[in-house]
Amino acid sequence: MAYTYKLIASALVGSGGAASLDFTSIPQTYTNLCILASPRSTNAFTGENIYIRFNDSTSSYNWVNFYGTGSGSASLQSGSDNQSGTAVGASATASFFGNVCIYIPEYTTSKYKTLISDSNVENNATRGDNTLWGTMWSNTAAITSIKLFPSTGVWAQDSNAYLYGITSS
């Protein structure tokens, strides 16, 4: 089975930063969604948590992540909010941006919505942090909008995200 990715929308942060990367009026004509992003936060950390919000809902989220570093250590964590990835923070090497891929299957169905996210925080140092996330939104509404935002601070200039619709043929 072949899958077709179609660019639905893009978001690019301009001068002065932005509180969020937003996708609105998401068409309901695809099977799955994929977000590819390169964000950097103004927060003074090397790594910054990415939060997601579907349909502007602030409740009914749960997550689990598997976090690994270049030193070989790893940990498993979980929580009950809308964390869904890791981005580069302001303390990381200048001009470096994170890489995150967020896959959202069956976003139009009347089931609870899930996502899986793969994040990488490069610091041009002895290690890079890699994190796998699984997030669930316990809501049966179809996803019509998505907001990505940092836990604190804002997205730095040139942070970007691309939303793709996926169909199978």
Protein backbone atom coordinates (compact mmCIF):
# COMPACT_ATOMS: atom_id res chain seq x y z
CA MET A 1 0.00 0.00 0.00
CA ALA A 2 1.41 3.38 -1.01
CA TYR A 3 0.98 6.46 1.10
CA THR A 4 0.67 9.97 -0.29
CA TYR A 5 1.73 13.01 1.73
CA LYS A 6 0.21 16.36 0.77
CA LEU A 7 1.32 19.64 2.30
CA ILE A 8 -1.70 21.23 3.98
CA ALA A 9 -0.06 24.24 5.64
CA SER A 10 3.20 25.66 6.95
CA ALA A 11 4.09 27.99 9.80
CA LEU A 12 7.26 30.10 10.02
CA VAL A 13 8.14 32.31 12.98
CA GLY A 14 9.20 35.82 12.05
CA SER A 15 11.11 38.53 13.86
CA GLY A 16 10.27 38.81 17.56
CA GLY A 17 9.23 35.17 18.00
CA ALA A 18 5.79 33.61 18.38
CA ALA A 19 3.89 32.02 21.26
CA SER A 20 2.81 29.07 19.10
CA LEU A 21 2.92 27.40 15.72
CA ASP A 22 -0.72 27.09 14.63
CA PHE A 23 -2.65 25.08 12.07
CA THR A 24 -6.34 25.92 11.73
CA SER A 25 -9.18 24.75 9.49
CA ILE A 26 -7.57 21.34 8.96
CA PRO A 27 -9.42 19.56 6.14
CA GLN A 28 -11.14 16.32 7.12
CA THR A 29 -10.24 14.54 3.86
CA TYR A 30 -7.12 12.62 4.93
CA THR A 31 -6.60 9.46 6.95
CA ASN A 32 -3.65 10.62 9.06
CA LEU A 33 -1.62 13.76 9.76
CA CYS A 34 2.12 14.36 10.06
CA ILE A 35 3.88 17.45 11.39
CA LEU A 36 7.55 18.00 10.59
CA ALA A 37 9.02 20.85 12.62
CA SER A 38 12.32 22.55 13.42
CA PRO A 39 11.63 24.61 16.54
CA ARG A 40 13.87 26.58 18.89
CA SER A 41 12.64 28.13 22.13
CA THR A 42 13.81 31.38 23.75
CA ASN A 43 13.75 29.59 27.13
CA ALA A 44 17.19 29.31 28.75
CA PHE A 45 17.45 25.51 28.60
CA THR A 46 19.27 23.23 26.18
CA GLY A 47 16.09 21.20 25.62
CA GLU A 48 12.53 22.51 25.78
CA ASN A 49 9.29 20.50 25.99
CA ILE A 50 6.85 20.91 23.13
CA TYR A 51 3.17 21.01 24.07
CA ILE A 52 0.33 20.27 21.66
CA ARG A 53 -3.25 21.42 21.79
CA PHE A 54 -5.99 19.95 19.60
CA ASN A 55 -9.08 22.09 18.87
CA ASP A 56 -7.88 24.51 21.57
CA SER A 57 -8.69 21.90 24.25
CA THR A 58 -6.65 22.17 27.46
CA SER A 59 -7.76 18.93 29.14
CA SER A 60 -7.81 15.12 28.82
CA TYR A 61 -4.21 14.54 27.70
CA ASN A 62 -1.75 11.85 28.86
CA TRP A 63 1.75 11.08 27.66
CA VAL A 64 4.66 8.72 28.05
CA ASN A 65 8.19 9.22 26.74
CA PHE A 66 11.42 7.34 26.40
CA TYR A 67 14.37 9.69 26.73
CA GLY A 68 17.94 8.93 25.75
CA THR A 69 21.17 10.90 25.69
CA GLY A 70 24.49 10.51 23.94
CA SER A 71 25.93 9.26 27.23
CA GLY A 72 23.92 6.05 26.92
CA SER A 73 21.54 6.79 29.78
CA ALA A 74 17.82 6.47 29.21
CA SER A 75 14.64 6.93 31.18
CA LEU A 76 10.93 6.32 30.87
CA GLN A 77 8.59 9.05 32.10
CA SER A 78 4.85 9.76 31.98
CA GLY A 79 2.43 12.52 32.85
CA SER A 80 -1.08 13.87 32.51
CA ASP A 81 -0.73 16.95 30.35
CA ASN A 82 -0.21 17.67 26.66
CA GLN A 83 3.57 17.29 26.24
CA SER A 84 4.40 15.82 22.87
CA GLY A 85 8.02 16.39 21.97
CA THR A 86 11.31 18.12 22.66
CA ALA A 87 12.79 21.20 21.00
CA VAL A 88 16.07 23.08 21.24
CA GLY A 89 16.24 25.79 23.91
CA ALA A 90 18.21 29.04 23.99
CA SER A 91 21.14 27.49 25.92
CA ALA A 92 21.89 25.09 23.05
CA THR A 93 24.47 25.96 20.41
CA ALA A 94 23.52 29.18 18.60
CA SER A 95 21.56 28.75 15.34
CA PHE A 96 20.74 25.09 16.05
CA PHE A 97 17.10 24.02 15.73
CA GLY A 98 15.46 20.82 16.91
CA ASN A 99 13.88 18.21 14.69
CA VAL A 100 10.54 16.67 15.50
CA CYS A 101 8.17 14.41 13.60
CA ILE A 102 4.65 14.06 15.01
CA TYR A 103 2.40 11.38 13.49
CA ILE A 104 -1.35 11.56 14.23
CA PRO A 105 -3.37 8.59 12.92
CA GLU A 106 -7.14 8.57 12.33
CA TYR A 107 -7.61 12.23 13.27
CA THR A 108 -11.20 12.36 11.93
CA THR A 109 -12.61 9.27 13.66
CA SER A 110 -14.81 9.19 16.75
CA LYS A 111 -12.05 7.40 18.72
CA TYR A 112 -9.66 8.94 21.25
CA LYS A 113 -6.79 10.63 19.39
CA THR A 114 -3.20 9.47 19.72
CA LEU A 115 0.13 10.64 18.42
CA ILE A 116 3.67 9.39 18.31
CA SER A 117 6.55 11.83 18.20
CA ASP A 118 10.26 11.46 17.56
CA SER A 119 12.37 14.43 18.73
CA ASN A 120 16.04 15.25 18.51
CA VAL A 121 17.83 18.06 20.37
CA GLU A 122 21.26 18.72 18.87
CA ASN A 123 23.71 20.81 20.86
CA ASN A 124 26.86 20.41 18.73
CA ALA A 125 28.53 19.04 21.84
CA THR A 126 29.30 15.60 23.19
CA ARG A 127 25.71 14.44 23.00
CA GLY A 128 22.34 14.90 21.42
CA ASP A 129 19.11 14.08 23.22
CA ASN A 130 16.55 11.82 21.55
CA THR A 131 13.03 11.36 22.80
CA LEU A 132 10.12 9.18 21.69
CA TRP A 133 6.70 10.38 22.88
CA GLY A 134 3.27 8.82 22.89
CA THR A 135 0.45 11.23 23.69
CA MET A 136 -3.30 10.56 23.92
CA TRP A 137 -6.13 13.09 23.85
CA SER A 138 -9.17 11.42 25.44
CA ASN A 139 -11.66 13.14 23.18
CA THR A 140 -13.69 11.75 20.27
CA ALA A 141 -13.96 15.01 18.30
CA ALA A 142 -12.29 15.21 14.90
CA ILE A 143 -9.12 17.33 14.98
CA THR A 144 -9.71 20.63 13.18
CA SER A 145 -6.85 22.70 14.64
CA ILE A 146 -3.42 22.08 16.14
CA LYS A 147 -1.24 24.37 18.22
CA LEU A 148 2.41 23.66 19.14
CA PHE A 149 3.93 25.77 21.90
CA PRO A 150 6.91 25.69 24.29
CA SER A 151 6.48 25.16 28.02
CA THR A 152 7.89 28.65 28.65
CA GLY A 153 9.25 31.41 26.48
CA VAL A 154 8.30 31.68 22.82
CA TRP A 155 9.42 30.09 19.57
CA ALA A 156 12.49 31.88 18.22
CA GLN A 157 12.65 33.48 14.79
CA ASP A 158 12.94 30.93 11.95
CA SER A 159 11.28 28.11 13.91
CA ASN A 160 9.01 26.31 11.47
CA ALA A 161 6.48 23.53 11.11
CA TYR A 162 4.80 21.80 8.16
CA LEU A 163 1.49 19.94 8.34
CA TYR A 164 0.92 17.07 5.92
CA GLY A 165 -2.22 15.09 5.20
CA ILE A 166 -1.65 11.39 4.52
CA THR A 167 -3.83 9.12 2.39
CA SER A 168 -3.34 5.52 1.35
CA SER A 169 -3.82 4.31 -2.18
